[in-house]
PDB file of N, CA and C in Angstrom:
ATOM      1  N   MET A   1      66.085   2.038 145.127  1.00  0.00           N
ATOM      2  CA  MET A   1      66.532   2.791 143.914  1.00  0.00           C
ATOM      3  C   MET A   1      65.863   2.109 142.815  1.00  0.00           C
ATOM      4  N   LEU A   2      65.409   3.080 141.869  1.00  0.00           N
ATOM      5  CA  LEU A   2      64.626   2.612 140.687  1.00  0.00           C
ATOM      6  C   LEU A   2      65.557   2.015 139.605  1.00  0.00           C
ATOM      7  N   SER A   3      64.918   1.064 138.951  1.00  0.00           N
ATOM      8  CA  SER A   3      65.921   0.496 137.695  1.00  0.00           C
ATOM      9  C   SER A   3      65.915   1.688 136.811  1.00  0.00           C
ATOM     10  N   SER A   4      66.805   1.550 135.630  1.00  0.00           N
ATOM     11  CA  SER A   4      66.813   2.440 134.567  1.00  0.00           C
ATOM     12  C   SER A   4      65.473   2.449 133.803  1.00  0.00           C
ATOM     13  N   THR A   5      64.868   1.167 133.540  1.00  0.00           N
ATOM     14  CA  THR A   5      63.466   1.129 132.846  1.00  0.00           C
ATOM     15  C   THR A   5      62.415   1.768 133.590  1.00  0.00           C
ATOM     16  N   LYS A   6      62.365   1.672 134.991  1.00  0.00           N
ATOM     17  CA  LYS A   6      61.449   2.465 135.692  1.00  0.00           C
ATOM     18  C   LYS A   6      61.588   3.837 135.759  1.00  0.00           C
ATOM     19  N   ALA A   7      62.888   4.104 135.815  1.00  0.00           N
ATOM     20  CA  ALA A   7      63.142   5.757 135.792  1.00  0.00           C
ATOM     21  C   ALA A   7      62.652   6.326 134.393  1.00  0.00           C
ATOM     22  N   THR A   8      63.039   5.561 133.442  1.00  0.00           N
ATOM     23  CA  THR A   8      62.710   6.185 132.016  1.00  0.00           C
ATOM     24  C   THR A   8      61.233   6.113 131.944  1.00  0.00           C
ATOM     25  N   ARG A   9      60.510   5.165 132.498  1.00  0.00           N
ATOM     26  CA  ARG A   9      59.130   5.214 132.309  1.00  0.00           C
ATOM     27  C   ARG A   9      58.539   6.307 133.177  1.00  0.00           C
ATOM     28  N   SER A  10      59.020   6.483 134.530  1.00  0.00           N
ATOM     29  CA  SER A  10      58.611   7.597 135.245  1.00  0.00           C
ATOM     30  C   SER A  10      58.681   8.918 134.485  1.00  0.00           C
ATOM     31  N   SER A  11      59.906   8.983 133.909  1.00  0.00           N
ATOM     32  CA  SER A  11      60.281  10.440 133.193  1.00  0.00           C
ATOM     33  C   SER A  11      59.345  10.517 132.082  1.00  0.00           C
ATOM     34  N   SER A  12      59.088   9.417 131.256  1.00  0.00           N
ATOM     35  CA  SER A  12      58.150   9.658 130.210  1.00  0.00           C
ATOM     36  C   SER A  12      56.740   9.847 130.668  1.00  0.00           C
ATOM     37  N   GLU A  13      56.345   9.252 131.694  1.00  0.00           N
ATOM     38  CA  GLU A  13      54.925   9.484 132.273  1.00  0.00           C
ATOM     39  C   GLU A  13      54.833  10.952 132.729  1.00  0.00           C
ATOM     40  N   ALA A  14      55.921  11.639 133.353  1.00  0.00           N
ATOM     41  CA  ALA A  14      55.967  12.827 133.992  1.00  0.00           C
ATOM     42  C   ALA A  14      55.801  13.853 132.667  1.00  0.00           C
ATOM     43  N   ARG A  15      56.503  13.442 131.644  1.00  0.00           N
ATOM     44  CA  ARG A  15      56.497  14.343 130.332  1.00  0.00           C
ATOM     45  C   ARG A  15      55.033  14.417 129.823  1.00  0.00           C
ATOM     46  N   LEU A  16      54.437  13.167 129.889  1.00  0.00           N
ATOM     47  CA  LEU A  16      53.014  13.130 129.187  1.00  0.00           C
ATOM     48  C   LEU A  16      52.088  13.857 130.346  1.00  0.00           C
ATOM     49  N   ASP A  17      52.255  13.875 131.494  1.00  0.00           N
ATOM     50  CA  ASP A  17      51.406  14.580 132.497  1.00  0.00           C
ATOM     51  C   ASP A  17      51.592  16.054 131.964  1.00  0.00           C
ATOM     52  N   LEU A  18      52.844  16.567 131.869  1.00  0.00           N
ATOM     53  CA  LEU A  18      52.841  17.971 131.392  1.00  0.00           C
ATOM     54  C   LEU A  18      52.327  18.420 130.049  1.00  0.00           C
ATOM     55  N   ILE A  19      52.451  17.455 129.103  1.00  0.00           N
ATOM     56  CA  ILE A  19      51.882  17.703 127.958  1.00  0.00           C
ATOM     57  C   ILE A  19      50.340  17.781 127.991  1.00  0.00           C
ATOM     58  N   PHE A  20      49.580  16.687 128.546  1.00  0.00           N
ATOM     59  CA  PHE A  20      48.196  16.685 128.784  1.00  0.00           C
ATOM     60  C   PHE A  20      47.664  17.784 129.544  1.00  0.00           C
ATOM     61  N   ARG A  21      48.428  18.147 130.637  1.00  0.00           N
ATOM     62  CA  ARG A  21      47.844  19.317 131.363  1.00  0.00           C
ATOM     63  C   ARG A  21      48.015  20.515 130.522  1.00  0.00           C
ATOM     64  N   ALA A  22      48.967  20.768 129.814  1.00  0.00           N
ATOM     65  CA  ALA A  22      49.107  22.022 128.833  1.00  0.00           C
ATOM     66  C   ALA A  22      47.998  22.007 128.037  1.00  0.00           C
ATOM     67  N   LEU A  23      47.659  20.702 127.252  1.00  0.00           N
ATOM     68  CA  LEU A  23      46.580  20.608 126.369  1.00  0.00           C
ATOM     69  C   LEU A  23      45.292  20.822 126.956  1.00  0.00           C
ATOM     70  N   GLY A  24      45.190  20.698 128.096  1.00  0.00           N
ATOM     71  CA  GLY A  24      43.860  20.877 128.866  1.00  0.00           C
ATOM     72  C   GLY A  24      43.249  21.970 128.919  1.00  0.00           C
ATOM     73  N   ASP A  25      43.751  23.262 128.560  1.00  0.00           N
ATOM     74  CA  ASP A  25      43.297  24.456 128.578  1.00  0.00           C
ATOM     75  C   ASP A  25      43.115  24.956 127.039  1.00  0.00           C
ATOM     76  N   ARG A  26      41.783  25.468 126.858  1.00  0.00           N
ATOM     77  CA  ARG A  26      41.420  25.877 125.447  1.00  0.00           C
ATOM     78  C   ARG A  26      42.184  26.900 124.926  1.00  0.00           C
ATOM     79  N   THR A  27      42.726  27.947 125.937  1.00  0.00           N
ATOM     80  CA  THR A  27      43.586  28.954 125.313  1.00  0.00           C
ATOM     81  C   THR A  27      44.959  28.469 125.033  1.00  0.00           C
ATOM     82  N   ARG A  28      45.460  27.663 125.645  1.00  0.00           N
ATOM     83  CA  ARG A  28      46.699  27.094 125.377  1.00  0.00           C
ATOM     84  C   ARG A  28      46.552  26.276 123.910  1.00  0.00           C
ATOM     85  N   ARG A  29      45.464  25.551 123.865  1.00  0.00           N
ATOM     86  CA  ARG A  29      45.212  24.889 122.466  1.00  0.00           C
ATOM     87  C   ARG A  29      45.134  25.837 121.337  1.00  0.00           C
ATOM     88  N   ALA A  30      44.418  26.912 121.662  1.00  0.00           N
ATOM     89  CA  ALA A  30      44.245  27.946 120.579  1.00  0.00           C
ATOM     90  C   ALA A  30      45.692  28.532 120.154  1.00  0.00           C
ATOM     91  N   LEU A  31      46.571  28.837 121.176  1.00  0.00           N
ATOM     92  CA  LEU A  31      47.760  29.403 121.106  1.00  0.00           C
ATOM     93  C   LEU A  31      48.641  28.274 120.084  1.00  0.00           C
ATOM     94  N   LEU A  32      48.671  27.091 120.395  1.00  0.00           N
ATOM     95  CA  LEU A  32      49.249  25.979 119.613  1.00  0.00           C
ATOM     96  C   LEU A  32      48.634  26.016 118.158  1.00  0.00           C
ATOM     97  N   THR A  33      47.408  26.053 118.054  1.00  0.00           N
ATOM     98  CA  THR A  33      46.929  26.193 116.615  1.00  0.00           C
ATOM     99  C   THR A  33      47.451  27.214 115.951  1.00  0.00           C
ATOM    100  N   ARG A  34      47.506  28.463 116.603  1.00  0.00           N
ATOM    101  CA  ARG A  34      48.104  29.738 115.843  1.00  0.00           C
ATOM    102  C   ARG A  34      49.523  29.326 115.374  1.00  0.00           C
ATOM    103  N   LEU A  35      50.259  28.672 116.270  1.00  0.00           N
ATOM    104  CA  LEU A  35      51.669  28.336 116.005  1.00  0.00           C
ATOM    105  C   LEU A  35      51.695  27.417 114.899  1.00  0.00           C
ATOM    106  N   THR A  36      50.711  26.525 114.478  1.00  0.00           N
ATOM    107  CA  THR A  36      51.016  25.640 113.366  1.00  0.00           C
ATOM    108  C   THR A  36      51.204  26.588 111.898  1.00  0.00           C
ATOM    109  N   HIS A  37      50.893  27.695 112.086  1.00  0.00           N
ATOM    110  CA  HIS A  37      51.036  28.586 110.896  1.00  0.00           C
ATOM    111  C   HIS A  37      52.504  29.240 110.782  1.00  0.00           C
ATOM    112  N   GLY A  38      53.280  28.931 111.874  1.00  0.00           N
ATOM    113  CA  GLY A  38      54.666  29.472 112.006  1.00  0.00           C
ATOM    114  C   GLY A  38      54.774  30.210 113.154  1.00  0.00           C
ATOM    115  N   PRO A  39      56.099  30.496 113.420  1.00  0.00           N
ATOM    116  CA  PRO A  39      56.497  31.131 114.713  1.00  0.00           C
ATOM    117  C   PRO A  39      55.700  32.583 114.707  1.00  0.00           C
ATOM    118  N   ALA A  40      55.402  33.113 116.036  1.00  0.00           N
ATOM    119  CA  ALA A  40      54.834  34.312 116.275  1.00  0.00           C
ATOM    120  C   ALA A  40      55.464  34.986 117.524  1.00  0.00           C
ATOM    121  N   MET A  41      55.366  36.445 117.555  1.00  0.00           N
ATOM    122  CA  MET A  41      55.683  36.908 118.689  1.00  0.00           C
ATOM    123  C   MET A  41      54.451  36.897 119.841  1.00  0.00           C
ATOM    124  N   ILE A  42      55.031  37.093 121.099  1.00  0.00           N
ATOM    125  CA  ILE A  42      53.863  37.113 122.191  1.00  0.00           C
ATOM    126  C   ILE A  42      52.728  37.917 121.816  1.00  0.00           C
ATOM    127  N   THR A  43      53.087  39.284 121.477  1.00  0.00           N
ATOM    128  CA  THR A  43      51.926  40.278 121.141  1.00  0.00           C
ATOM    129  C   THR A  43      51.068  39.689 120.071  1.00  0.00           C
ATOM    130  N   GLU A  44      51.680  39.118 118.983  1.00  0.00           N
ATOM    131  CA  GLU A  44      50.799  38.395 117.836  1.00  0.00           C
ATOM    132  C   GLU A  44      49.942  37.332 118.567  1.00  0.00           C
ATOM    133  N   LEU A  45      50.491  36.612 119.289  1.00  0.00           N
ATOM    134  CA  LEU A  45      49.675  35.435 119.921  1.00  0.00           C
ATOM    135  C   LEU A  45      48.620  36.027 120.791  1.00  0.00           C
ATOM    136  N   ALA A  46      48.891  37.131 121.519  1.00  0.00           N
ATOM    137  CA  ALA A  46      47.945  37.710 122.365  1.00  0.00           C
ATOM    138  C   ALA A  46      46.803  38.496 121.742  1.00  0.00           C
ATOM    139  N   ALA A  47      47.018  38.976 120.328  1.00  0.00           N
ATOM    140  CA  ALA A  47      45.949  39.690 119.711  1.00  0.00           C
ATOM    141  C   ALA A  47      44.376  39.162 119.816  1.00  0.00           C
ATOM    142  N   PRO A  48      44.285  37.921 119.499  1.00  0.00           N
ATOM    143  CA  PRO A  48      42.856  37.458 119.367  1.00  0.00           C
ATOM    144  C   PRO A  48      42.369  37.171 120.870  1.00  0.00           C
ATOM    145  N   PHE A  49      43.047  37.288 121.887  1.00  0.00           N
ATOM    146  CA  PHE A  49      42.501  36.948 123.087  1.00  0.00           C
ATOM    147  C   PHE A  49      42.322  38.168 123.985  1.00  0.00           C
ATOM    148  N   ARG A  50      41.455  38.199 124.957  1.00  0.00           N
ATOM    149  CA  ARG A  50      40.939  39.372 125.830  1.00  0.00           C
ATOM    150  C   ARG A  50      41.861  39.159 126.978  1.00  0.00           C
ATOM    151  N   LEU A  51      43.157  38.945 126.847  1.00  0.00           N
ATOM    152  CA  LEU A  51      44.041  38.712 127.909  1.00  0.00           C
ATOM    153  C   LEU A  51      45.253  39.534 127.977  1.00  0.00           C
ATOM    154  N   SER A  52      45.914  39.721 129.091  1.00  0.00           N
ATOM    155  CA  SER A  52      46.987  40.671 129.216  1.00  0.00           C
ATOM    156  C   SER A  52      48.328  39.957 128.486  1.00  0.00           C
ATOM    157  N   LEU A  53      49.235  40.753 128.307  1.00  0.00           N
ATOM    158  CA  LEU A  53      50.465  39.982 127.637  1.00  0.00           C
ATOM    159  C   LEU A  53      51.024  39.294 128.958  1.00  0.00           C
ATOM    160  N   PRO A  54      51.067  39.555 130.199  1.00  0.00           N
ATOM    161  CA  PRO A  54      51.662  38.597 131.308  1.00  0.00           C
ATOM    162  C   PRO A  54      50.743  37.488 131.422  1.00  0.00           C
ATOM    163  N   ALA A  55      49.424  37.626 130.972  1.00  0.00           N
ATOM    164  CA  ALA A  55      48.713  36.136 131.266  1.00  0.00           C
ATOM    165  C   ALA A  55      49.009  35.358 129.903  1.00  0.00           C
ATOM    166  N   VAL A  56      49.039  35.732 128.803  1.00  0.00           N
ATOM    167  CA  VAL A  56      49.506  35.091 127.628  1.00  0.00           C
ATOM    168  C   VAL A  56      50.879  34.603 127.721  1.00  0.00           C
ATOM    169  N   SER A  57      51.834  35.360 128.469  1.00  0.00           N
ATOM    170  CA  SER A  57      53.119  34.701 128.803  1.00  0.00           C
ATOM    171  C   SER A  57      53.093  33.491 129.766  1.00  0.00           C
ATOM    172  N   ARG A  58      52.081  33.590 130.640  1.00  0.00           N
ATOM    173  CA  ARG A  58      52.102  32.399 131.570  1.00  0.00           C
ATOM    174  C   ARG A  58      51.611  31.251 130.862  1.00  0.00           C
ATOM    175  N   HIS A  59      50.736  31.541 129.969  1.00  0.00           N
ATOM    176  CA  HIS A  59      50.353  30.235 129.078  1.00  0.00           C
ATOM    177  C   HIS A  59      51.383  29.625 128.306  1.00  0.00           C
ATOM    178  N   ILE A  60      52.054  30.614 127.790  1.00  0.00           N
ATOM    179  CA  ILE A  60      53.499  30.171 127.110  1.00  0.00           C
ATOM    180  C   ILE A  60      54.334  29.407 127.992  1.00  0.00           C
ATOM    181  N   ARG A  61      54.593  29.947 129.152  1.00  0.00           N
ATOM    182  CA  ARG A  61      55.382  29.096 130.056  1.00  0.00           C
ATOM    183  C   ARG A  61      54.992  27.717 130.239  1.00  0.00           C
ATOM    184  N   VAL A  62      53.783  27.531 130.474  1.00  0.00           N
ATOM    185  CA  VAL A  62      53.187  26.146 130.653  1.00  0.00           C
ATOM    186  C   VAL A  62      53.315  25.396 129.435  1.00  0.00           C
ATOM    187  N   LEU A  63      53.316  25.973 128.156  1.00  0.00           N
ATOM    188  CA  LEU A  63      53.554  25.155 127.011  1.00  0.00           C
ATOM    189  C   LEU A  63      55.187  24.946 126.791  1.00  0.00           C
ATOM    190  N   GLU A  64      55.766  25.747 127.313  1.00  0.00           N
ATOM    191  CA  GLU A  64      57.317  25.730 127.272  1.00  0.00           C
ATOM    192  C   GLU A  64      57.733  24.521 128.171  1.00  0.00           C
ATOM    193  N   ARG A  65      57.154  24.313 129.407  1.00  0.00           N
ATOM    194  CA  ARG A  65      57.585  23.315 130.375  1.00  0.00           C
ATOM    195  C   ARG A  65      57.104  22.142 129.722  1.00  0.00           C
ATOM    196  N   ALA A  66      55.950  21.954 129.049  1.00  0.00           N
ATOM    197  CA  ALA A  66      55.653  20.692 128.281  1.00  0.00           C
ATOM    198  C   ALA A  66      56.405  20.583 126.991  1.00  0.00           C
ATOM    199  N   ARG A  67      57.323  21.483 126.725  1.00  0.00           N
ATOM    200  CA  ARG A  67      58.163  21.388 125.544  1.00  0.00           C
ATOM    201  C   ARG A  67      57.390  21.376 124.162  1.00  0.00           C
ATOM    202  N   LEU A  68      56.158  22.089 124.343  1.00  0.00           N
ATOM    203  CA  LEU A  68      55.357  22.116 123.130  1.00  0.00           C
ATOM    204  C   LEU A  68      55.646  23.417 122.446  1.00  0.00           C
ATOM    205  N   VAL A  69      56.275  24.408 123.025  1.00  0.00           N
ATOM    206  CA  VAL A  69      56.759  25.653 122.469  1.00  0.00           C
ATOM    207  C   VAL A  69      58.195  25.844 122.668  1.00  0.00           C
ATOM    208  N   LYS A  70      58.870  26.358 121.689  1.00  0.00           N
ATOM    209  CA  LYS A  70      60.186  27.035 121.972  1.00  0.00           C
ATOM    210  C   LYS A  70      60.226  28.357 121.870  1.00  0.00           C
ATOM    211  N   ARG A  71      60.712  29.270 122.948  1.00  0.00           N
ATOM    212  CA  ARG A  71      60.777  30.618 122.840  1.00  0.00           C
ATOM    213  C   ARG A  71      62.244  31.023 122.606  1.00  0.00           C
ATOM    214  N   THR A  72      62.226  31.931 121.617  1.00  0.00           N
ATOM    215  CA  THR A  72      63.667  32.658 121.428  1.00  0.00           C
ATOM    216  C   THR A  72      63.329  34.057 121.770  1.00  0.00           C
ATOM    217  N   VAL A  73      64.455  34.727 122.415  1.00  0.00           N
ATOM    218  CA  VAL A  73      64.548  36.147 122.859  1.00  0.00           C
ATOM    219  C   VAL A  73      65.635  36.762 121.954  1.00  0.00           C
ATOM    220  N   ASP A  74      65.043  37.924 121.469  1.00  0.00           N
ATOM    221  CA  ASP A  74      65.913  38.791 120.610  1.00  0.00           C
ATOM    222  C   ASP A  74      65.588  40.306 121.300  1.00  0.00           C
ATOM    223  N   GLY A  75      66.465  40.733 122.136  1.00  0.00           N
ATOM    224  CA  GLY A  75      66.325  41.870 122.846  1.00  0.00           C
ATOM    225  C   GLY A  75      64.983  41.774 123.623  1.00  0.00           C
ATOM    226  N   ARG A  76      64.000  42.764 123.322  1.00  0.00           N
ATOM    227  CA  ARG A  76      62.689  42.547 123.950  1.00  0.00           C
ATOM    228  C   ARG A  76      61.615  41.815 123.145  1.00  0.00           C
ATOM    229  N   VAL A  77      62.059  41.245 122.005  1.00  0.00           N
ATOM    230  CA  VAL A  77      61.215  40.508 121.177  1.00  0.00           C
ATOM    231  C   VAL A  77      61.146  39.038 121.637  1.00  0.00           C
ATOM    232  N   HIS A  78      60.085  38.559 121.949  1.00  0.00           N
ATOM    233  CA  HIS A  78      59.847  37.144 122.382  1.00  0.00           C
ATOM    234  C   HIS A  78      59.235  36.442 121.265  1.00  0.00           C
ATOM    235  N   ARG A  79      59.838  35.501 120.562  1.00  0.00           N
ATOM    236  CA  ARG A  79      59.174  34.627 119.465  1.00  0.00           C
ATOM    237  C   ARG A  79      59.024  33.255 119.975  1.00  0.00           C
ATOM    238  N   CYS A  80      57.817  32.815 119.449  1.00  0.00           N
ATOM    239  CA  CYS A  80      57.619  31.394 119.925  1.00  0.00           C
ATOM    240  C   CYS A  80      57.314  30.514 118.637  1.00  0.00           C
ATOM    241  N   ALA A  81      57.711  29.263 118.779  1.00  0.00           N
ATOM    242  CA  ALA A  81      57.523  28.401 117.751  1.00  0.00           C
ATOM    243  C   ALA A  81      57.033  26.995 118.391  1.00  0.00           C
ATOM    244  N   LEU A  82      56.217  26.319 117.466  1.00  0.00           N
ATOM    245  CA  LEU A  82      55.722  25.001 118.016  1.00  0.00           C
ATOM    246  C   LEU A  82      56.743  23.958 117.838  1.00  0.00           C
ATOM    247  N   ARG A  83      56.667  23.085 118.866  1.00  0.00           N
ATOM    248  CA  ARG A  83      57.424  21.865 118.755  1.00  0.00           C
ATOM    249  C   ARG A  83      56.627  20.623 118.732  1.00  0.00           C
ATOM    250  N   THR A  84      56.643  19.871 117.772  1.00  0.00           N
ATOM    251  CA  THR A  84      55.808  18.736 117.489  1.00  0.00           C
ATOM    252  C   THR A  84      56.149  17.386 118.209  1.00  0.00           C
ATOM    253  N   GLU A  85      57.287  17.437 118.664  1.00  0.00           N
ATOM    254  CA  GLU A  85      57.832  16.039 119.203  1.00  0.00           C
ATOM    255  C   GLU A  85      56.916  15.630 120.464  1.00  0.00           C
ATOM    256  N   PRO A  86      56.586  16.661 121.405  1.00  0.00           N
ATOM    257  CA  PRO A  86      55.621  16.221 122.368  1.00  0.00           C
ATOM    258  C   PRO A  86      54.377  15.728 121.975  1.00  0.00           C
ATOM    259  N   LEU A  87      53.745  16.365 120.980  1.00  0.00           N
ATOM    260  CA  LEU A  87      52.480  15.810 120.452  1.00  0.00           C
ATOM    261  C   LEU A  87      52.662  14.480 119.862  1.00  0.00           C
ATOM    262  N   GLN A  88      53.756  14.119 119.335  1.00  0.00           N
ATOM    263  CA  GLN A  88      53.959  12.794 118.771  1.00  0.00           C
ATOM    264  C   GLN A  88      53.941  11.812 119.987  1.00  0.00           C
ATOM    265  N   GLN A  89      54.531  12.251 121.143  1.00  0.00           N
ATOM    266  CA  GLN A  89      54.657  11.334 122.206  1.00  0.00           C
ATOM    267  C   GLN A  89      53.183  11.153 122.745  1.00  0.00           C
ATOM    268  N   ALA A  90      52.357  12.090 122.770  1.00  0.00           N
ATOM    269  CA  ALA A  90      50.937  12.096 123.162  1.00  0.00           C
ATOM    270  C   ALA A  90      50.104  11.280 122.154  1.00  0.00           C
ATOM    271  N   GLU A  91      50.409  11.325 120.882  1.00  0.00           N
ATOM    272  CA  GLU A  91      49.770  10.403 120.016  1.00  0.00           C
ATOM    273  C   GLU A  91      50.198   9.090 120.060  1.00  0.00           C
ATOM    274  N   GLN A  92      51.404   8.767 120.364  1.00  0.00           N
ATOM    275  CA  GLN A  92      51.663   7.297 120.495  1.00  0.00           C
ATOM    276  C   GLN A  92      51.037   6.733 121.885  1.00  0.00           C
ATOM    277  N   TRP A  93      50.735   7.453 122.934  1.00  0.00           N
ATOM    278  CA  TRP A  93      50.164   7.114 124.050  1.00  0.00           C
ATOM    279  C   TRP A  93      48.692   6.931 123.787  1.00  0.00           C
ATOM    280  N   ILE A  94      47.992   7.811 123.112  1.00  0.00           N
ATOM    281  CA  ILE A  94      46.697   7.641 122.657  1.00  0.00           C
ATOM    282  C   ILE A  94      46.512   6.352 121.723  1.00  0.00           C
ATOM    283  N   HIS A  95      47.338   6.214 120.847  1.00  0.00           N
ATOM    284  CA  HIS A  95      47.300   5.108 119.842  1.00  0.00           C
ATOM    285  C   HIS A  95      47.260   3.726 120.584  1.00  0.00           C
ATOM    286  N   HIS A  96      48.034   3.712 121.545  1.00  0.00           N
ATOM    287  CA  HIS A  96      48.333   2.568 122.420  1.00  0.00           C
ATOM    288  C   HIS A  96      46.908   2.164 123.034  1.00  0.00           C
ATOM    289  N   TYR A  97      46.184   3.199 123.376  1.00  0.00           N
ATOM    290  CA  TYR A  97      44.937   2.942 124.033  1.00  0.00           C
ATOM    291  C   TYR A  97      43.757   2.761 123.117  1.00  0.00           C
ATOM    292  N   ARG A  98      43.916   3.531 121.981  1.00  0.00           N
ATOM    293  CA  ARG A  98      42.892   3.223 120.779  1.00  0.00           C
ATOM    294  C   ARG A  98      42.328   2.063 120.665  1.00  0.00           C
ATOM    295  N   ARG A  99      43.519   0.859 120.468  1.00  0.00           N
ATOM    296  CA  ARG A  99      43.068  -0.418 120.388  1.00  0.00           C
ATOM    297  C   ARG A  99      42.021  -0.992 121.281  1.00  0.00           C
ATOM    298  N   PHE A 100      42.290  -0.751 122.616  1.00  0.00           N
ATOM    299  CA  PHE A 100      41.454  -1.008 123.585  1.00  0.00           C
ATOM    300  C   PHE A 100      40.097  -0.403 123.464  1.00  0.00           C
ATOM    301  N   TRP A 101      39.943   0.862 123.258  1.00  0.00           N
ATOM    302  CA  TRP A 101      38.603   1.665 122.995  1.00  0.00           C
ATOM    303  C   TRP A 101      37.933   1.057 121.889  1.00  0.00           C
ATOM    304  N   GLU A 102      38.634   0.844 120.672  1.00  0.00           N
ATOM    305  CA  GLU A 102      37.913   0.309 119.488  1.00  0.00           C
ATOM    306  C   GLU A 102      37.412  -0.981 119.834  1.00  0.00           C
ATOM    307  N   GLY A 103      38.317  -1.882 120.510  1.00  0.00           N
ATOM    308  CA  GLY A 103      37.730  -3.184 120.811  1.00  0.00           C
ATOM    309  C   GLY A 103      36.609  -3.216 121.751  1.00  0.00           C
ATOM    310  N   ALA A 104      36.554  -2.480 122.810  1.00  0.00           N
ATOM    311  CA  ALA A 104      35.407  -2.290 123.727  1.00  0.00           C
ATOM    312  C   ALA A 104      34.278  -1.673 122.918  1.00  0.00           C
ATOM    313  N   LEU A 105      34.462  -0.668 122.072  1.00  0.00           N
ATOM    314  CA  LEU A 105      33.202  -0.264 121.379  1.00  0.00           C
ATOM    315  C   LEU A 105      32.671  -1.202 120.423  1.00  0.00           C
ATOM    316  N   ASP A 106      33.602  -2.046 119.801  1.00  0.00           N
ATOM    317  CA  ASP A 106      33.075  -3.130 118.922  1.00  0.00           C
ATOM    318  C   ASP A 106      32.351  -4.044 119.750  1.00  0.00           C
ATOM    319  N   SER A 107      32.744  -4.286 120.901  1.00  0.00           N
ATOM    320  CA  SER A 107      32.105  -5.467 121.688  1.00  0.00           C
ATOM    321  C   SER A 107      30.699  -4.857 122.142  1.00  0.00           C
ATOM    322  N   LEU A 108      30.760  -3.627 122.521  1.00  0.00           N
ATOM    323  CA  LEU A 108      29.404  -2.939 122.794  1.00  0.00           C
ATOM    324  C   LEU A 108      28.437  -2.875 121.675  1.00  0.00           C
ATOM    325  N   ALA A 109      28.965  -2.526 120.578  1.00  0.00           N
ATOM    326  CA  ALA A 109      28.054  -2.691 119.268  1.00  0.00           C
ATOM    327  C   ALA A 109      27.454  -4.046 119.006  1.00  0.00           C
ATOM    328  N   ARG A 110      28.216  -5.129 119.157  1.00  0.00           N
ATOM    329  CA  ARG A 110      27.856  -6.371 119.158  1.00  0.00           C
ATOM    330  C   ARG A 110      26.709  -6.780 120.080  1.00  0.00           C
ATOM    331  N   TYR A 111      26.930  -6.394 121.339  1.00  0.00           N
ATOM    332  CA  TYR A 111      26.036  -6.542 122.461  1.00  0.00           C
ATOM    333  C   TYR A 111      24.643  -5.931 122.211  1.00  0.00           C
ATOM    334  N   VAL A 112      24.704  -4.766 121.517  1.00  0.00           N
ATOM    335  CA  VAL A 112      23.526  -3.758 121.363  1.00  0.00           C
ATOM    336  C   VAL A 112      22.627  -4.615 120.216  1.00  0.00           C
ATOM    337  N   GLU A 113      23.643  -4.964 119.189  1.00  0.00           N
ATOM    338  CA  GLU A 113      22.931  -5.672 118.048  1.00  0.00           C
ATOM    339  C   GLU A 113      22.143  -6.847 118.449  1.00  0.00           C
ATOM    340  N   VAL A 114      22.896  -7.738 119.359  1.00  0.00           N
ATOM    341  CA  VAL A 114      22.213  -9.126 119.680  1.00  0.00           C
ATOM    342  C   VAL A 114      21.017  -8.622 120.481  1.00  0.00           C
ATOM    343  N   GLY A 115      21.044  -7.864 121.288  1.00  0.00           N
ATOM    344  CA  GLY A 115      19.856  -7.361 122.080  1.00  0.00           C
ATOM    345  C   GLY A 115      18.880  -6.799 121.302  1.00  0.00           C
ATOM    346  N   ARG A 116      19.057  -6.119 120.146  1.00  0.00           N
ATOM    347  CA  ARG A 116      18.011  -5.680 119.490  1.00  0.00           C
ATOM    348  C   ARG A 116      17.479  -6.774 118.648  1.00  0.00           C
ATOM    349  N   GLU A 117      18.172  -7.875 118.171  1.00  0.00           N
ATOM    350  CA  GLU A 117      17.617  -8.936 117.403  1.00  0.00           C
ATOM    351  C   GLU A 117      16.684  -9.728 118.354  1.00  0.00           C
ATOM    352  N   LYS A 118      17.128  -9.993 119.728  1.00  0.00           N
ATOM    353  CA  LYS A 118      16.257 -10.670 120.553  1.00  0.00           C
ATOM    354  C   LYS A 118      14.922  -9.931 120.774  1.00  0.00           C
ATOM    355  N   HIS A 119      15.033  -8.524 120.841  1.00  0.00           N
ATOM    356  CA  HIS A 119      13.815  -7.743 121.235  1.00  0.00           C
ATOM    357  C   HIS A 119      12.837  -7.777 120.034  1.00  0.00           C
ATOM    358  N   HIS A 120      13.260  -8.000 118.723  1.00  0.00           N
ATOM    359  CA  HIS A 120      12.381  -7.755 117.744  1.00  0.00           C
ATOM    360  C   HIS A 120      11.889  -9.188 117.190  1.00  0.00           C
ATOM    361  N   ARG A 121      12.352 -10.282 117.946  1.00  0.00           N
ATOM    362  CA  ARG A 121      11.747 -11.778 117.593  1.00  0.00           C
ATOM    363  C   ARG A 121      10.440 -11.850 118.230  1.00  0.00           C
TER     364      ARG A 121
END
């Protein structure tokens, strides 16, 4: 049996998997970019793409599973809105590793500079 801490971590990691999987597709990223301007109907979201409405709806479902998009239905009209909380979760994860990347890049820059100085002597 998982402890509550491990279960929470596992759940959080599963959410991040869904978020990054959703963001891994350029069409879905473009749909999210459009939604930064405000809610839109599926037909409005589909307009700039050479995709059928069912194809755009499939992309929206992936974004919904990742909780990046909230869809409301009024009769036959499906309206989508951006949800920013999952993007904040992803940003927190990236920020945690940014310190490592920046430290590694700083070390690499120092190594290259020392090597350059040795080479020019």
